[in-house]
Amino acid sequence: MNILAIDSSSENLSISLLWRGKILFDFNRHLKFGASQLVYFIDKNLRKHHISLKDIDIFAIGQGPGSFTGLRVSFSVIKAFMISLNVPAVCVGSFYSMVYPFSKGHKKIAVVSDARRGLVYAATFIVRNNLLQRETKEHLAALRDFVRGKSEYFFITCDEHLYKELSGINQEINFSQTVVYPKAKYYLKIAQDLAKKKRFVAIGDLEPLYLHPKTCQIRKKYV
């Protein structure tokens, strides 16, 4: 099973390929307007390893929340690939890939990212029976409101200034010492599991996770 995974929901453009059971490449680059170069870097990395898009069995895509433009571009690209190559796709929340590397050392993890207008995208995860599970869905919140009552959580974000704001709100908050970006390689295992269960997303249902209706002008069901 060959899986190409991508995420362009943040400033980190991430592309990873599972090839015959092994991760063949894991490309991550901090780029301004990186999503506009997504197709270029997919092609460059596949060519480097002498692989064609026709060799891909499944596409996995980071669903967000995150950059409106970045998500629009990545979903448009994957839809085009699905149509032209007749290859199925799976969707995984971008916050999952941020939390996964910390799931071995922390039982409760909170994710926040800047949604602008004084709000953050936020969600919590817990590790139960050695399995990472989403505790609360991704939603919009004021940072101060979201932090309340979560002193036992380990916080991560892809926006460095939020760490300073977190420490200003509650000095007891435990958070990562580095910025954490979504990374496509963490979609590969869950994509394998979803594929085995035939839990693919129909192209008509393949949509980014939009949470800000005033910015994105998305129908209410996505809020």
N, C-alpha and C. Protein backbone atom coordinates (compact mmCIF):
# COMPACT_ATOMS: atom_id res chain seq x y z
N MET A 1 0.84 -1.19 0.00
CA MET A 1 0.00 0.00 0.00
C MET A 1 0.88 1.25 0.00
N ASN A 2 0.75 2.06 -1.04
CA ASN A 2 1.53 3.28 -1.17
C ASN A 2 0.64 4.49 -0.89
N ILE A 3 1.02 5.28 0.12
CA ILE A 3 0.19 6.40 0.55
C ILE A 3 0.96 7.70 0.48
N LEU A 4 0.39 8.67 -0.21
CA LEU A 4 0.97 10.01 -0.25
C LEU A 4 0.14 10.90 0.67
N ALA A 5 0.79 11.49 1.67
CA ALA A 5 0.11 12.34 2.64
C ALA A 5 0.61 13.77 2.53
N ILE A 6 -0.31 14.73 2.67
CA ILE A 6 0.08 16.14 2.59
C ILE A 6 -0.65 16.95 3.66
N ASP A 7 -0.01 18.06 4.05
CA ASP A 7 -0.67 19.02 4.93
C ASP A 7 -0.13 20.42 4.61
N SER A 8 -1.05 21.34 4.33
CA SER A 8 -0.66 22.73 4.09
C SER A 8 -1.55 23.67 4.91
N SER A 9 -1.93 23.19 6.10
CA SER A 9 -2.82 23.98 6.95
C SER A 9 -2.09 25.03 7.77
N SER A 10 -0.74 24.98 7.76
CA SER A 10 0.06 25.92 8.54
C SER A 10 1.19 26.47 7.67
N GLU A 11 2.12 27.17 8.29
CA GLU A 11 3.27 27.69 7.54
C GLU A 11 4.25 26.59 7.17
N ASN A 12 4.05 25.39 7.72
CA ASN A 12 4.90 24.26 7.38
C ASN A 12 4.23 23.43 6.28
N LEU A 13 4.84 23.43 5.11
CA LEU A 13 4.35 22.59 4.02
C LEU A 13 4.92 21.20 4.23
N SER A 14 4.04 20.21 4.34
CA SER A 14 4.48 18.86 4.70
C SER A 14 3.96 17.83 3.71
N ILE A 15 4.87 16.99 3.22
CA ILE A 15 4.55 15.94 2.25
C ILE A 15 5.31 14.68 2.66
N SER A 16 4.63 13.55 2.73
CA SER A 16 5.29 12.31 3.13
C SER A 16 4.75 11.15 2.31
N LEU A 17 5.61 10.18 2.07
CA LEU A 17 5.22 9.03 1.25
C LEU A 17 5.53 7.73 1.96
N LEU A 18 4.50 6.90 2.12
CA LEU A 18 4.68 5.53 2.59
C LEU A 18 4.77 4.65 1.35
N TRP A 19 5.91 4.01 1.18
CA TRP A 19 6.17 3.22 -0.02
C TRP A 19 6.51 1.79 0.37
N ARG A 20 5.62 0.88 0.03
CA ARG A 20 5.82 -0.54 0.32
C ARG A 20 6.13 -0.77 1.80
N GLY A 21 5.37 -0.08 2.64
CA GLY A 21 5.48 -0.31 4.08
C GLY A 21 6.48 0.54 4.82
N LYS A 22 7.27 1.36 4.10
CA LYS A 22 8.27 2.20 4.75
C LYS A 22 8.11 3.66 4.31
N ILE A 23 8.45 4.57 5.21
CA ILE A 23 8.40 5.99 4.86
C ILE A 23 9.59 6.31 3.96
N LEU A 24 9.31 6.61 2.71
CA LEU A 24 10.37 6.84 1.73
C LEU A 24 10.91 8.27 1.82
N PHE A 25 10.02 9.22 2.04
CA PHE A 25 10.49 10.58 2.29
C PHE A 25 9.52 11.32 3.19
N ASP A 26 10.06 12.29 3.90
CA ASP A 26 9.28 13.11 4.82
C ASP A 26 9.75 14.55 4.64
N PHE A 27 9.06 15.27 3.77
CA PHE A 27 9.44 16.63 3.40
C PHE A 27 8.68 17.65 4.25
N ASN A 28 9.41 18.53 4.92
CA ASN A 28 8.81 19.60 5.70
C ASN A 28 9.60 20.88 5.47
N ARG A 29 8.89 21.93 5.09
CA ARG A 29 9.59 23.19 4.84
C ARG A 29 8.71 24.37 5.25
N HIS A 30 9.32 25.27 6.01
CA HIS A 30 8.63 26.48 6.45
C HIS A 30 8.71 27.48 5.31
N LEU A 31 7.55 27.75 4.68
CA LEU A 31 7.52 28.60 3.50
C LEU A 31 6.39 29.60 3.58
N LYS A 32 6.65 30.82 3.15
CA LYS A 32 5.58 31.79 3.02
C LYS A 32 4.81 31.45 1.75
N PHE A 33 3.50 31.34 1.86
CA PHE A 33 2.65 30.93 0.75
C PHE A 33 3.08 29.56 0.21
N GLY A 34 3.45 28.66 1.14
CA GLY A 34 3.94 27.34 0.75
C GLY A 34 2.94 26.52 -0.04
N ALA A 35 1.66 26.70 0.25
CA ALA A 35 0.64 25.91 -0.45
C ALA A 35 0.68 26.14 -1.95
N SER A 36 1.09 27.34 -2.37
CA SER A 36 1.16 27.63 -3.81
C SER A 36 2.24 26.80 -4.51
N GLN A 37 3.15 26.21 -3.72
CA GLN A 37 4.22 25.39 -4.28
C GLN A 37 4.00 23.90 -4.02
N LEU A 38 2.80 23.56 -3.56
CA LEU A 38 2.53 22.18 -3.20
C LEU A 38 2.75 21.21 -4.35
N VAL A 39 2.17 21.49 -5.50
CA VAL A 39 2.30 20.58 -6.65
C VAL A 39 3.77 20.45 -7.07
N TYR A 40 4.47 21.57 -7.05
CA TYR A 40 5.90 21.56 -7.42
C TYR A 40 6.69 20.62 -6.51
N PHE A 41 6.48 20.70 -5.20
CA PHE A 41 7.27 19.89 -4.27
C PHE A 41 6.80 18.43 -4.25
N ILE A 42 5.53 18.18 -4.53
CA ILE A 42 5.09 16.79 -4.69
C ILE A 42 5.83 16.17 -5.88
N ASP A 43 5.81 16.86 -6.99
CA ASP A 43 6.47 16.37 -8.20
C ASP A 43 7.97 16.20 -7.99
N LYS A 44 8.59 17.18 -7.34
CA LYS A 44 10.05 17.13 -7.11
C LYS A 44 10.44 15.92 -6.26
N ASN A 45 9.70 15.69 -5.18
CA ASN A 45 10.05 14.57 -4.30
C ASN A 45 9.75 13.22 -4.93
N LEU A 46 8.67 13.12 -5.68
CA LEU A 46 8.38 11.85 -6.36
C LEU A 46 9.42 11.56 -7.44
N ARG A 47 9.79 12.58 -8.21
CA ARG A 47 10.80 12.39 -9.25
C ARG A 47 12.15 11.99 -8.66
N LYS A 48 12.48 12.56 -7.52
CA LYS A 48 13.75 12.25 -6.86
C LYS A 48 13.87 10.76 -6.57
N HIS A 49 12.73 10.13 -6.29
CA HIS A 49 12.73 8.70 -5.97
C HIS A 49 12.19 7.85 -7.12
N HIS A 50 12.08 8.48 -8.29
CA HIS A 50 11.66 7.77 -9.51
C HIS A 50 10.29 7.10 -9.34
N ILE A 51 9.38 7.86 -8.77
CA ILE A 51 8.02 7.37 -8.52
C ILE A 51 7.03 8.27 -9.25
N SER A 52 5.99 7.65 -9.77
CA SER A 52 4.93 8.39 -10.46
C SER A 52 3.69 8.47 -9.57
N LEU A 53 2.88 9.49 -9.80
CA LEU A 53 1.61 9.58 -9.08
C LEU A 53 0.74 8.36 -9.35
N LYS A 54 0.93 7.74 -10.50
CA LYS A 54 0.15 6.56 -10.85
C LYS A 54 0.47 5.38 -9.93
N ASP A 55 1.58 5.48 -9.20
CA ASP A 55 1.97 4.41 -8.27
C ASP A 55 1.30 4.55 -6.90
N ILE A 56 0.61 5.66 -6.68
CA ILE A 56 -0.01 5.92 -5.39
C ILE A 56 -1.36 5.20 -5.28
N ASP A 57 -1.58 4.53 -4.14
CA ASP A 57 -2.83 3.80 -3.92
C ASP A 57 -3.85 4.63 -3.15
N ILE A 58 -3.38 5.51 -2.26
CA ILE A 58 -4.26 6.29 -1.41
C ILE A 58 -3.63 7.67 -1.16
N PHE A 59 -4.48 8.68 -1.11
CA PHE A 59 -4.04 10.01 -0.69
C PHE A 59 -4.57 10.27 0.72
N ALA A 60 -3.73 10.88 1.56
CA ALA A 60 -4.16 11.28 2.90
C ALA A 60 -3.92 12.78 3.03
N ILE A 61 -4.90 13.49 3.57
CA ILE A 61 -4.80 14.94 3.62
C ILE A 61 -5.16 15.47 5.00
N GLY A 62 -4.37 16.45 5.45
CA GLY A 62 -4.65 17.12 6.71
C GLY A 62 -5.85 18.04 6.53
N GLN A 63 -6.88 17.84 7.34
CA GLN A 63 -8.15 18.51 7.15
C GLN A 63 -8.21 19.91 7.77
N GLY A 64 -7.24 20.27 8.60
CA GLY A 64 -7.30 21.52 9.33
C GLY A 64 -7.81 21.26 10.74
N PRO A 65 -8.17 22.34 11.47
CA PRO A 65 -8.30 23.73 11.02
C PRO A 65 -6.95 24.39 10.80
N GLY A 66 -6.99 25.52 10.12
CA GLY A 66 -5.75 26.24 9.84
C GLY A 66 -5.95 27.27 8.76
N SER A 67 -4.91 27.48 7.99
CA SER A 67 -4.92 28.48 6.93
C SER A 67 -6.03 28.22 5.92
N PHE A 68 -6.89 29.20 5.74
CA PHE A 68 -7.99 29.06 4.78
C PHE A 68 -7.45 28.81 3.38
N THR A 69 -6.49 29.63 2.96
CA THR A 69 -5.92 29.48 1.61
C THR A 69 -5.17 28.16 1.47
N GLY A 70 -4.36 27.82 2.48
CA GLY A 70 -3.61 26.58 2.43
C GLY A 70 -4.50 25.37 2.28
N LEU A 71 -5.59 25.34 3.02
CA LEU A 71 -6.51 24.22 2.96
C LEU A 71 -7.24 24.16 1.62
N ARG A 72 -7.64 25.31 1.12
CA ARG A 72 -8.32 25.35 -0.18
C ARG A 72 -7.42 24.78 -1.28
N VAL A 73 -6.15 25.15 -1.24
CA VAL A 73 -5.21 24.68 -2.26
C VAL A 73 -5.00 23.17 -2.15
N SER A 74 -4.70 22.68 -0.95
CA SER A 74 -4.40 21.25 -0.80
C SER A 74 -5.60 20.38 -1.16
N PHE A 75 -6.80 20.81 -0.80
CA PHE A 75 -7.99 20.02 -1.13
C PHE A 75 -8.29 20.05 -2.62
N SER A 76 -8.03 21.18 -3.25
CA SER A 76 -8.22 21.26 -4.71
C SER A 76 -7.26 20.34 -5.43
N VAL A 77 -6.02 20.30 -4.95
CA VAL A 77 -5.00 19.43 -5.56
C VAL A 77 -5.39 17.96 -5.41
N ILE A 78 -5.77 17.56 -4.20
CA ILE A 78 -6.12 16.16 -3.97
C ILE A 78 -7.35 15.75 -4.77
N LYS A 79 -8.32 16.64 -4.87
CA LYS A 79 -9.52 16.33 -5.67
C LYS A 79 -9.15 16.13 -7.14
N ALA A 80 -8.25 16.96 -7.62
CA ALA A 80 -7.80 16.81 -9.02
C ALA A 80 -7.10 15.47 -9.23
N PHE A 81 -6.27 15.09 -8.27
CA PHE A 81 -5.58 13.80 -8.35
C PHE A 81 -6.58 12.64 -8.30
N MET A 82 -7.57 12.74 -7.41
CA MET A 82 -8.57 11.69 -7.28
C MET A 82 -9.32 11.47 -8.58
N ILE A 83 -9.68 12.57 -9.23
CA ILE A 83 -10.44 12.47 -10.48
C ILE A 83 -9.59 11.92 -11.61
N SER A 84 -8.38 12.46 -11.74
CA SER A 84 -7.54 12.07 -12.88
C SER A 84 -6.95 10.68 -12.75
N LEU A 85 -6.72 10.24 -11.50
CA LEU A 85 -6.06 8.95 -11.29
C LEU A 85 -6.99 7.87 -10.75
N ASN A 86 -8.22 8.27 -10.37
CA ASN A 86 -9.19 7.33 -9.79
C ASN A 86 -8.60 6.65 -8.54
N VAL A 87 -8.06 7.49 -7.66
CA VAL A 87 -7.44 7.01 -6.42
C VAL A 87 -8.23 7.57 -5.24
N PRO A 88 -8.53 6.75 -4.22
CA PRO A 88 -9.32 7.23 -3.08
C PRO A 88 -8.49 8.07 -2.11
N ALA A 89 -9.18 8.75 -1.19
CA ALA A 89 -8.50 9.60 -0.21
C ALA A 89 -9.12 9.42 1.16
N VAL A 90 -8.30 9.72 2.18
CA VAL A 90 -8.78 9.76 3.57
C VAL A 90 -8.41 11.12 4.14
N CYS A 91 -9.17 11.54 5.13
CA CYS A 91 -8.99 12.83 5.78
C CYS A 91 -8.63 12.62 7.24
N VAL A 92 -7.66 13.40 7.74
CA VAL A 92 -7.28 13.34 9.15
C VAL A 92 -7.14 14.76 9.68
N GLY A 93 -7.67 15.03 10.86
CA GLY A 93 -7.54 16.35 11.45
C GLY A 93 -6.08 16.74 11.65
N SER A 94 -5.72 17.95 11.27
CA SER A 94 -4.33 18.40 11.36
C SER A 94 -3.82 18.42 12.80
N PHE A 95 -4.71 18.68 13.76
CA PHE A 95 -4.28 18.70 15.16
C PHE A 95 -3.79 17.33 15.61
N TYR A 96 -4.35 16.28 15.03
CA TYR A 96 -3.91 14.93 15.39
C TYR A 96 -2.42 14.76 15.16
N SER A 97 -1.93 15.26 14.02
CA SER A 97 -0.52 15.09 13.70
C SER A 97 0.38 15.92 14.62
N MET A 98 -0.16 17.00 15.18
CA MET A 98 0.60 17.81 16.12
C MET A 98 0.73 17.11 17.47
N VAL A 99 -0.34 16.46 17.87
CA VAL A 99 -0.39 15.83 19.18
C VAL A 99 0.35 14.50 19.22
N TYR A 100 0.30 13.75 18.14
CA TYR A 100 0.80 12.37 18.12
C TYR A 100 2.21 12.20 18.70
N PRO A 101 3.20 13.05 18.35
CA PRO A 101 4.55 12.84 18.88
C PRO A 101 4.65 12.98 20.39
N PHE A 102 3.66 13.62 21.02
CA PHE A 102 3.70 13.84 22.46
C PHE A 102 2.85 12.84 23.24
N SER A 103 2.21 11.93 22.53
CA SER A 103 1.26 11.02 23.17
C SER A 103 1.93 9.94 24.01
N LYS A 104 3.24 9.77 23.86
CA LYS A 104 3.95 8.78 24.67
C LYS A 104 4.31 9.35 26.05
N GLY A 105 4.47 10.67 26.12
CA GLY A 105 4.91 11.26 27.38
C GLY A 105 3.86 12.04 28.13
N HIS A 106 2.68 12.22 27.54
CA HIS A 106 1.64 13.02 28.18
C HIS A 106 0.29 12.33 28.01
N LYS A 107 -0.53 12.37 29.07
CA LYS A 107 -1.85 11.75 29.04
C LYS A 107 -2.93 12.70 28.56
N LYS A 108 -2.71 14.00 28.78
CA LYS A 108 -3.69 15.00 28.37
C LYS A 108 -2.97 16.11 27.61
N ILE A 109 -3.44 16.39 26.40
CA ILE A 109 -2.77 17.36 25.54
C ILE A 109 -3.80 18.32 24.96
N ALA A 110 -3.47 19.59 24.98
CA ALA A 110 -4.34 20.62 24.40
C ALA A 110 -3.62 21.29 23.25
N VAL A 111 -4.35 21.56 22.18
CA VAL A 111 -3.79 22.20 20.99
C VAL A 111 -4.50 23.53 20.77
N VAL A 112 -3.72 24.57 20.49
CA VAL A 112 -4.31 25.85 20.12
C VAL A 112 -3.55 26.42 18.93
N SER A 113 -4.26 27.12 18.06
CA SER A 113 -3.60 27.85 16.98
C SER A 113 -4.38 29.14 16.74
N ASP A 114 -3.69 30.14 16.26
CA ASP A 114 -4.28 31.46 16.12
C ASP A 114 -5.36 31.47 15.04
N ALA A 115 -6.57 31.86 15.43
CA ALA A 115 -7.68 31.99 14.48
C ALA A 115 -7.94 33.46 14.17
N ARG A 116 -7.12 34.34 14.75
CA ARG A 116 -7.25 35.79 14.58
C ARG A 116 -8.54 36.30 15.21
N ARG A 117 -8.73 37.59 15.16
CA ARG A 117 -9.91 38.23 15.76
C ARG A 117 -10.06 37.89 17.24
N GLY A 118 -8.91 37.68 17.92
CA GLY A 118 -8.94 37.41 19.35
C GLY A 118 -9.35 36.00 19.71
N LEU A 119 -9.38 35.08 18.74
CA LEU A 119 -9.80 33.71 18.98
C LEU A 119 -8.70 32.71 18.61
N VAL A 120 -8.86 31.51 19.13
CA VAL A 120 -7.95 30.41 18.75
C VAL A 120 -8.79 29.23 18.29
N TYR A 121 -8.19 28.41 17.40
CA TYR A 121 -8.73 27.09 17.14
C TYR A 121 -8.21 26.22 18.28
N ALA A 122 -9.04 25.38 18.85
CA ALA A 122 -8.62 24.62 20.02
C ALA A 122 -9.25 23.23 20.03
N ALA A 123 -8.56 22.30 20.69
CA ALA A 123 -9.08 20.94 20.88
C ALA A 123 -8.25 20.27 21.96
N THR A 124 -8.80 19.24 22.59
CA THR A 124 -8.05 18.47 23.57
C THR A 124 -8.03 17.00 23.19
N PHE A 125 -6.95 16.33 23.60
CA PHE A 125 -6.76 14.91 23.34
C PHE A 125 -6.35 14.22 24.63
N ILE A 126 -6.69 12.95 24.73
CA ILE A 126 -6.27 12.16 25.88
C ILE A 126 -5.69 10.83 25.38
N VAL A 127 -4.82 10.26 26.20
CA VAL A 127 -4.27 8.94 25.89
C VAL A 127 -4.92 7.96 26.86
N ARG A 128 -5.67 7.01 26.29
CA ARG A 128 -6.39 6.03 27.11
C ARG A 128 -6.08 4.64 26.58
N ASN A 129 -5.61 3.77 27.46
CA ASN A 129 -5.22 2.41 27.06
C ASN A 129 -4.19 2.45 25.93
N ASN A 130 -3.26 3.40 26.05
CA ASN A 130 -2.17 3.58 25.08
C ASN A 130 -2.65 4.02 23.70
N LEU A 131 -3.89 4.49 23.62
CA LEU A 131 -4.43 4.97 22.35
C LEU A 131 -4.73 6.46 22.45
N LEU A 132 -4.33 7.20 21.42
CA LEU A 132 -4.59 8.63 21.38
C LEU A 132 -6.01 8.87 20.90
N GLN A 133 -6.78 9.60 21.70
CA GLN A 133 -8.17 9.86 21.35
C GLN A 133 -8.47 11.36 21.47
N ARG A 134 -9.29 11.85 20.57
CA ARG A 134 -9.73 13.24 20.68
C ARG A 134 -10.77 13.34 21.78
N GLU A 135 -10.54 14.25 22.72
CA GLU A 135 -11.46 14.44 23.84
C GLU A 135 -12.54 15.46 23.51
N THR A 136 -12.15 16.60 22.97
CA THR A 136 -13.12 17.60 22.54
C THR A 136 -12.83 17.98 21.09
N LYS A 137 -13.86 18.21 20.33
CA LYS A 137 -13.71 18.55 18.92
C LYS A 137 -13.03 19.91 18.74
N GLU A 138 -12.47 20.10 17.57
CA GLU A 138 -11.89 21.38 17.22
C GLU A 138 -12.99 22.45 17.25
N HIS A 139 -12.69 23.57 17.87
CA HIS A 139 -13.69 24.62 17.99
C HIS A 139 -12.99 25.97 18.15
N LEU A 140 -13.77 27.03 18.03
CA LEU A 140 -13.26 28.38 18.24
C LEU A 140 -13.48 28.78 19.69
N ALA A 141 -12.47 29.46 20.27
CA ALA A 141 -12.60 29.90 21.66
C ALA A 141 -11.66 31.07 21.92
N ALA A 142 -11.96 31.82 22.95
CA ALA A 142 -11.01 32.80 23.46
C ALA A 142 -9.97 32.02 24.25
N LEU A 143 -8.70 32.34 24.08
CA LEU A 143 -7.63 31.57 24.71
C LEU A 143 -7.82 31.49 26.22
N ARG A 144 -8.13 32.60 26.85
CA ARG A 144 -8.29 32.63 28.30
C ARG A 144 -9.41 31.67 28.74
N ASP A 145 -10.49 31.64 28.00
CA ASP A 145 -11.60 30.75 28.34
C ASP A 145 -11.21 29.28 28.16
N PHE A 146 -10.47 29.00 27.11
CA PHE A 146 -10.09 27.61 26.83
C PHE A 146 -9.11 27.09 27.87
N VAL A 147 -8.20 27.93 28.32
CA VAL A 147 -7.17 27.52 29.29
C VAL A 147 -7.76 27.21 30.66
N ARG A 148 -8.85 27.86 31.01
CA ARG A 148 -9.43 27.72 32.35
C ARG A 148 -9.69 26.25 32.69
N GLY A 149 -9.15 25.81 33.83
CA GLY A 149 -9.37 24.45 34.30
C GLY A 149 -8.51 23.40 33.62
N LYS A 150 -7.47 23.81 32.90
CA LYS A 150 -6.66 22.84 32.15
C LYS A 150 -5.18 22.86 32.59
N SER A 151 -4.93 23.08 33.87
CA SER A 151 -3.56 23.11 34.37
C SER A 151 -2.85 21.77 34.20
N GLU A 152 -3.62 20.68 34.10
CA GLU A 152 -3.01 19.36 33.98
C GLU A 152 -2.71 18.97 32.53
N TYR A 153 -3.06 19.84 31.60
CA TYR A 153 -2.84 19.55 30.18
C TYR A 153 -1.48 20.08 29.72
N PHE A 154 -0.91 19.39 28.75
CA PHE A 154 0.31 19.84 28.08
C PHE A 154 -0.13 20.56 26.81
N PHE A 155 0.27 21.83 26.68
CA PHE A 155 -0.19 22.65 25.56
C PHE A 155 0.84 22.69 24.43
N ILE A 156 0.33 22.65 23.19
CA ILE A 156 1.19 22.82 22.02
C ILE A 156 0.51 23.77 21.04
N THR A 157 1.32 24.44 20.23
CA THR A 157 0.78 25.35 19.23
C THR A 157 1.79 25.52 18.10
N CYS A 158 1.28 25.94 16.94
CA CYS A 158 2.16 26.27 15.81
C CYS A 158 2.38 27.78 15.72
N ASP A 159 1.88 28.52 16.71
CA ASP A 159 2.03 29.98 16.73
C ASP A 159 2.80 30.37 17.99
N GLU A 160 4.06 30.76 17.81
CA GLU A 160 4.96 30.99 18.94
C GLU A 160 4.43 32.03 19.93
N HIS A 161 3.77 33.07 19.43
CA HIS A 161 3.30 34.12 20.33
C HIS A 161 2.26 33.62 21.33
N LEU A 162 1.59 32.50 21.01
CA LEU A 162 0.59 31.97 21.93
C LEU A 162 1.22 31.38 23.19
N TYR A 163 2.48 30.93 23.11
CA TYR A 163 3.15 30.45 24.31
C TYR A 163 3.32 31.57 25.32
N LYS A 164 3.67 32.74 24.83
CA LYS A 164 3.82 33.90 25.71
C LYS A 164 2.48 34.27 26.33
N GLU A 165 1.44 34.20 25.53
CA GLU A 165 0.11 34.51 26.05
C GLU A 165 -0.34 33.48 27.08
N LEU A 166 -0.01 32.22 26.84
CA LEU A 166 -0.35 31.16 27.79
C LEU A 166 0.30 31.39 29.15
N SER A 167 1.59 31.70 29.13
CA SER A 167 2.31 31.93 30.39
C SER A 167 1.79 33.17 31.10
N GLY A 168 1.29 34.14 30.32
CA GLY A 168 0.72 35.34 30.92
C GLY A 168 -0.62 35.08 31.58
N ILE A 169 -1.35 34.12 31.05
CA ILE A 169 -2.66 33.77 31.61
C ILE A 169 -2.52 32.92 32.87
N ASN A 170 -1.63 31.93 32.81
CA ASN A 170 -1.46 31.00 33.93
C ASN A 170 -0.03 30.46 33.90
N GLN A 171 0.77 30.86 34.86
CA GLN A 171 2.18 30.44 34.90
C GLN A 171 2.35 28.96 35.22
N GLU A 172 1.28 28.32 35.65
CA GLU A 172 1.36 26.88 35.95
C GLU A 172 1.13 26.03 34.71
N ILE A 173 0.72 26.65 33.61
CA ILE A 173 0.48 25.91 32.38
C ILE A 173 1.79 25.30 31.87
N ASN A 174 1.73 24.03 31.54
CA ASN A 174 2.88 23.32 30.99
C ASN A 174 2.75 23.30 29.47
N PHE A 175 3.78 23.80 28.77
CA PHE A 175 3.68 23.81 27.31
C PHE A 175 5.01 23.47 26.67
N SER A 176 4.96 23.09 25.40
CA SER A 176 6.15 22.72 24.64
C SER A 176 7.10 23.90 24.54
N GLN A 177 8.38 23.61 24.53
CA GLN A 177 9.38 24.66 24.41
C GLN A 177 9.65 25.02 22.95
N THR A 178 9.02 24.33 22.06
CA THR A 178 9.20 24.61 20.63
C THR A 178 7.85 24.71 19.94
N VAL A 179 7.85 25.38 18.80
CA VAL A 179 6.64 25.46 17.98
C VAL A 179 6.40 24.09 17.34
N VAL A 180 5.15 23.67 17.31
CA VAL A 180 4.79 22.35 16.78
C VAL A 180 3.89 22.53 15.56
N TYR A 181 4.32 22.01 14.42
CA TYR A 181 3.54 22.12 13.19
C TYR A 181 2.91 20.78 12.82
N PRO A 182 1.80 20.80 12.09
CA PRO A 182 1.26 19.55 11.55
C PRO A 182 2.28 18.91 10.60
N LYS A 183 2.42 17.59 10.67
CA LYS A 183 3.35 16.88 9.79
C LYS A 183 2.66 15.70 9.15
N ALA A 184 2.80 15.61 7.85
CA ALA A 184 2.07 14.60 7.08
C ALA A 184 2.43 13.17 7.44
N LYS A 185 3.65 12.93 7.90
CA LYS A 185 4.05 11.54 8.17
C LYS A 185 3.20 10.88 9.25
N TYR A 186 2.60 11.71 10.12
CA TYR A 186 1.78 11.14 11.19
C TYR A 186 0.39 10.73 10.70
N TYR A 187 0.07 11.02 9.45
CA TYR A 187 -1.20 10.57 8.87
C TYR A 187 -1.09 9.16 8.29
N LEU A 188 0.12 8.72 8.05
CA LEU A 188 0.31 7.49 7.29
C LEU A 188 -0.26 6.26 7.99
N LYS A 189 0.00 6.12 9.30
CA LYS A 189 -0.49 4.94 10.04
C LYS A 189 -2.01 4.95 10.11
N ILE A 190 -2.58 6.10 10.45
CA ILE A 190 -4.05 6.15 10.55
C ILE A 190 -4.69 5.98 9.17
N ALA A 191 -4.00 6.45 8.12
CA ALA A 191 -4.51 6.26 6.76
C ALA A 191 -4.55 4.77 6.41
N GLN A 192 -3.53 4.03 6.83
CA GLN A 192 -3.52 2.58 6.62
C GLN A 192 -4.72 1.92 7.29
N ASP A 193 -4.97 2.32 8.54
CA ASP A 193 -6.09 1.74 9.29
C ASP A 193 -7.43 2.07 8.64
N LEU A 194 -7.58 3.31 8.20
CA LEU A 194 -8.84 3.72 7.56
C LEU A 194 -9.03 2.99 6.23
N ALA A 195 -7.94 2.80 5.51
CA ALA A 195 -8.03 2.11 4.22
C ALA A 195 -8.44 0.65 4.39
N LYS A 196 -7.91 0.00 5.43
CA LYS A 196 -8.27 -1.40 5.69
C LYS A 196 -9.76 -1.54 5.99
N LYS A 197 -10.32 -0.48 6.59
CA LYS A 197 -11.75 -0.48 6.92
C LYS A 197 -12.60 0.12 5.78
N LYS A 198 -11.93 0.47 4.67
CA LYS A 198 -12.61 1.06 3.51
C LYS A 198 -13.31 2.38 3.87
N ARG A 199 -12.73 3.10 4.79
CA ARG A 199 -13.34 4.36 5.22
C ARG A 199 -12.75 5.53 4.43
N PHE A 200 -13.00 5.50 3.14
CA PHE A 200 -12.54 6.57 2.27
C PHE A 200 -13.57 7.69 2.24
N VAL A 201 -13.13 8.86 1.82
CA VAL A 201 -14.04 10.01 1.74
C VAL A 201 -14.41 10.24 0.28
N ALA A 202 -15.69 10.25 0.00
CA ALA A 202 -16.15 10.52 -1.36
C ALA A 202 -15.75 11.93 -1.76
N ILE A 203 -15.44 12.11 -3.02
CA ILE A 203 -14.92 13.41 -3.46
C ILE A 203 -15.91 14.54 -3.17
N GLY A 204 -17.20 14.26 -3.22
CA GLY A 204 -18.20 15.28 -2.93
C GLY A 204 -18.25 15.67 -1.46
N ASP A 205 -17.72 14.80 -0.59
CA ASP A 205 -17.71 15.06 0.85
C ASP A 205 -16.34 15.50 1.35
N LEU A 206 -15.38 15.58 0.46
CA LEU A 206 -14.02 15.94 0.85
C LEU A 206 -13.94 17.45 1.02
N GLU A 207 -13.99 17.91 2.27
CA GLU A 207 -13.98 19.33 2.57
C GLU A 207 -13.05 19.63 3.73
N PRO A 208 -12.38 20.78 3.70
CA PRO A 208 -11.55 21.19 4.83
C PRO A 208 -12.40 21.46 6.06
N LEU A 209 -11.77 21.46 7.22
CA LEU A 209 -12.46 21.77 8.45
C LEU A 209 -12.41 23.29 8.66
N TYR A 210 -13.46 23.96 8.25
CA TYR A 210 -13.57 25.41 8.40
C TYR A 210 -14.34 25.71 9.68
N LEU A 211 -13.80 26.60 10.49
CA LEU A 211 -14.45 26.92 11.75
C LEU A 211 -14.83 28.39 11.88
N HIS A 212 -14.38 29.21 10.94
CA HIS A 212 -14.59 30.64 11.06
C HIS A 212 -15.52 31.12 9.95
N PRO A 213 -16.84 31.10 10.15
CA PRO A 213 -17.77 31.40 9.07
C PRO A 213 -17.65 32.80 8.51
N LYS A 214 -17.31 33.79 9.33
CA LYS A 214 -17.22 35.17 8.83
C LYS A 214 -16.04 35.34 7.89
N THR A 215 -14.97 34.57 8.15
CA THR A 215 -13.79 34.64 7.29
C THR A 215 -13.97 33.78 6.04
N CYS A 216 -14.48 32.57 6.25
CA CYS A 216 -14.51 31.59 5.18
C CYS A 216 -15.83 31.53 4.44
N GLN A 217 -16.87 32.13 5.00
CA GLN A 217 -18.17 32.13 4.37
C GLN A 217 -18.66 30.71 4.09
N ILE A 218 -18.56 29.89 5.14
CA ILE A 218 -18.96 28.49 5.01
C ILE A 218 -20.33 28.28 5.66
N ARG A 219 -21.09 27.35 5.14
CA ARG A 219 -22.42 27.10 5.66
C ARG A 219 -22.36 26.70 7.15
N LYS A 220 -23.44 26.91 7.84
CA LYS A 220 -23.50 26.77 9.28
C LYS A 220 -23.11 25.36 9.75
N LYS A 221 -23.36 24.34 8.97
CA LYS A 221 -23.09 22.97 9.43
C LYS A 221 -21.61 22.73 9.66
N TYR A 222 -20.73 23.59 9.13
CA TYR A 222 -19.31 23.41 9.34
C TYR A 222 -18.82 24.14 10.57
N VAL A 223 -19.66 24.92 11.23
CA VAL A 223 -19.25 25.71 12.37
C VAL A 223 -19.25 24.84 13.64
